[in-house]
Structure formats: C-alpha cells, structure tokens
N, C-alpha and C. Protein backbone atom coordinates (compact mmCIF):
# COMPACT_ATOMS: atom_id res chain seq x y z
N UNK A 1 28.26 -60.35 -197.58
CA UNK A 1 27.84 -59.11 -198.15
C UNK A 1 26.51 -58.54 -197.86
N UNK A 2 26.19 -57.51 -197.53
CA UNK A 2 24.88 -56.86 -197.02
C UNK A 2 23.91 -57.00 -198.13
N UNK A 3 22.71 -57.19 -197.88
CA UNK A 3 21.60 -57.02 -198.86
C UNK A 3 20.99 -55.54 -198.83
N UNK A 4 20.69 -55.01 -199.87
CA UNK A 4 20.14 -53.58 -200.14
C UNK A 4 18.88 -53.75 -200.51
N UNK A 5 17.68 -53.11 -199.78
CA UNK A 5 16.42 -53.27 -200.18
C UNK A 5 15.83 -51.79 -200.37
N UNK A 6 15.04 -51.72 -201.24
CA UNK A 6 14.29 -50.49 -201.50
C UNK A 6 13.24 -50.19 -200.51
N UNK A 7 12.53 -51.20 -199.91
CA UNK A 7 11.74 -50.92 -198.97
C UNK A 7 11.66 -52.20 -197.97
N UNK A 8 11.45 -51.92 -196.62
CA UNK A 8 11.50 -52.72 -195.66
C UNK A 8 10.13 -52.61 -194.94
N UNK A 9 9.27 -53.58 -194.95
CA UNK A 9 7.92 -53.61 -194.30
C UNK A 9 8.24 -54.42 -193.03
N UNK A 10 7.75 -53.59 -191.97
CA UNK A 10 7.50 -54.19 -190.46
C UNK A 10 6.18 -54.60 -190.25
N UNK A 11 5.97 -55.86 -190.36
CA UNK A 11 4.42 -56.40 -190.00
C UNK A 11 3.87 -56.74 -191.14
N UNK A 12 3.59 -58.12 -191.46
CA UNK A 12 2.97 -58.64 -192.67
C UNK A 12 1.46 -59.01 -192.54
N UNK A 13 0.89 -58.17 -191.84
CA UNK A 13 -0.65 -58.43 -191.85
C UNK A 13 -1.24 -58.10 -193.08
N UNK A 14 -2.50 -57.76 -193.21
CA UNK A 14 -3.24 -57.40 -194.30
C UNK A 14 -2.52 -56.18 -195.08
N UNK A 15 -2.36 -55.09 -194.29
CA UNK A 15 -1.79 -54.01 -194.80
C UNK A 15 -0.23 -54.08 -195.34
N UNK A 16 0.46 -54.50 -194.41
CA UNK A 16 1.78 -54.72 -194.69
C UNK A 16 2.11 -55.67 -195.86
N UNK A 17 1.26 -56.76 -196.05
CA UNK A 17 1.41 -57.73 -197.13
C UNK A 17 0.92 -57.07 -198.44
N UNK A 18 0.08 -56.24 -198.38
CA UNK A 18 -0.48 -55.51 -199.49
C UNK A 18 0.58 -54.63 -200.13
N UNK A 19 1.17 -53.99 -199.10
CA UNK A 19 2.23 -52.81 -199.37
C UNK A 19 3.47 -53.52 -200.09
N UNK A 20 3.82 -54.50 -199.52
CA UNK A 20 5.04 -55.31 -200.05
C UNK A 20 4.80 -56.01 -201.39
N UNK A 21 3.72 -56.50 -201.46
CA UNK A 21 3.25 -57.14 -202.97
C UNK A 21 3.22 -56.00 -203.84
N UNK A 22 2.56 -55.02 -203.68
CA UNK A 22 2.40 -53.94 -204.83
C UNK A 22 3.74 -53.20 -204.97
N UNK A 23 4.53 -53.10 -203.99
CA UNK A 23 5.80 -52.50 -204.09
C UNK A 23 6.73 -53.33 -205.10
N UNK A 24 6.75 -54.75 -204.78
CA UNK A 24 7.50 -55.66 -205.57
C UNK A 24 7.05 -55.90 -206.80
N UNK A 25 5.79 -55.73 -207.12
CA UNK A 25 5.06 -55.67 -208.54
C UNK A 25 5.50 -54.55 -209.33
N UNK A 26 5.74 -53.43 -208.59
CA UNK A 26 6.35 -52.28 -209.30
C UNK A 26 7.85 -52.15 -209.41
N UNK A 27 8.55 -53.26 -209.09
CA UNK A 27 9.68 -53.51 -209.34
C UNK A 27 10.89 -53.11 -208.16
N UNK A 28 10.29 -52.89 -207.03
CA UNK A 28 11.19 -52.57 -205.99
C UNK A 28 11.62 -53.94 -205.25
N UNK A 29 12.72 -53.77 -204.56
CA UNK A 29 13.28 -54.83 -203.81
C UNK A 29 12.72 -54.66 -202.27
N UNK A 30 12.00 -55.79 -201.99
CA UNK A 30 11.34 -55.63 -200.76
C UNK A 30 11.60 -56.72 -199.70
N UNK A 31 11.69 -56.35 -198.44
CA UNK A 31 11.94 -57.21 -197.41
C UNK A 31 10.75 -57.23 -196.28
N UNK A 32 10.09 -58.24 -195.96
CA UNK A 32 8.93 -58.04 -195.16
C UNK A 32 9.57 -58.80 -193.70
N UNK A 33 9.13 -58.28 -192.79
CA UNK A 33 9.33 -58.63 -191.45
C UNK A 33 8.14 -58.86 -190.52
N UNK A 34 8.05 -59.88 -189.79
CA UNK A 34 7.08 -60.13 -188.96
C UNK A 34 7.37 -60.79 -187.66
N UNK A 35 6.95 -60.51 -186.56
CA UNK A 35 7.40 -61.45 -185.36
C UNK A 35 6.73 -62.80 -185.36
N UNK A 36 5.87 -63.20 -186.23
CA UNK A 36 5.36 -64.44 -186.28
C UNK A 36 5.34 -64.90 -187.65
N UNK A 37 5.33 -66.24 -187.90
CA UNK A 37 5.46 -66.89 -189.15
C UNK A 37 3.92 -66.64 -189.80
N UNK A 38 3.87 -65.96 -190.87
CA UNK A 38 2.41 -65.89 -191.57
C UNK A 38 2.16 -67.41 -192.06
N UNK A 39 0.79 -67.48 -192.13
CA UNK A 39 -0.26 -66.85 -191.68
C UNK A 39 -0.51 -66.99 -190.33
N UNK A 40 -0.93 -66.15 -189.45
CA UNK A 40 -1.04 -66.38 -188.02
C UNK A 40 -2.47 -65.34 -187.65
N UNK A 41 -2.63 -65.44 -186.51
CA UNK A 41 -3.78 -64.66 -185.87
C UNK A 41 -3.54 -63.70 -184.87
N UNK A 42 -2.06 -63.25 -184.66
CA UNK A 42 -1.55 -62.41 -183.69
C UNK A 42 -1.76 -60.98 -183.90
N UNK A 43 -2.00 -60.70 -185.09
CA UNK A 43 -2.01 -59.27 -185.53
C UNK A 43 -3.14 -58.44 -185.09
N UNK A 44 -3.10 -57.12 -185.20
CA UNK A 44 -4.24 -56.35 -184.85
C UNK A 44 -5.39 -56.53 -185.77
N UNK A 45 -5.52 -56.66 -186.93
CA UNK A 45 -6.55 -56.82 -187.82
C UNK A 45 -7.32 -58.05 -187.36
N UNK A 46 -6.60 -59.24 -187.11
CA UNK A 46 -7.39 -60.45 -186.97
C UNK A 46 -8.04 -60.53 -185.45
N UNK A 47 -7.34 -59.47 -184.66
CA UNK A 47 -7.89 -59.17 -183.32
C UNK A 47 -9.14 -58.64 -183.34
N UNK A 48 -9.14 -57.57 -184.24
CA UNK A 48 -10.49 -56.68 -184.46
C UNK A 48 -11.58 -57.80 -185.16
N UNK A 49 -11.18 -58.63 -186.19
CA UNK A 49 -12.19 -59.40 -186.80
C UNK A 49 -12.71 -60.54 -185.84
N UNK A 50 -11.69 -61.23 -185.12
CA UNK A 50 -12.07 -62.41 -184.40
C UNK A 50 -12.87 -62.12 -183.21
C-alpha cells in the first residue's frame, strides 16, 4: 500500500529540517528526503559556514 504525505521535503539541511519539523508540529504528515544520512557536512549551508 502506498503512503500518502501532506508534504515531501527534498533536502534536510537547516531549512529543510525546520520546514519538516514545523509542518509536522502543525499536524501534517511529512516525508524528508536527503542524498546523505544526516547529520552531514555535504549541504550548501555547511559549505558556506565551513
């Protein structure tokens, strides 16, 4: 059986994770997808900070 989500977030960096968190907190069914297993330093935010 297929899963149905209200929101799918592609990229779980700081912005994606926050989006997923607050959407779930409001009761939405959320799926977060990232190319690497968090936490990692492969994203755009970490590249700018590092």
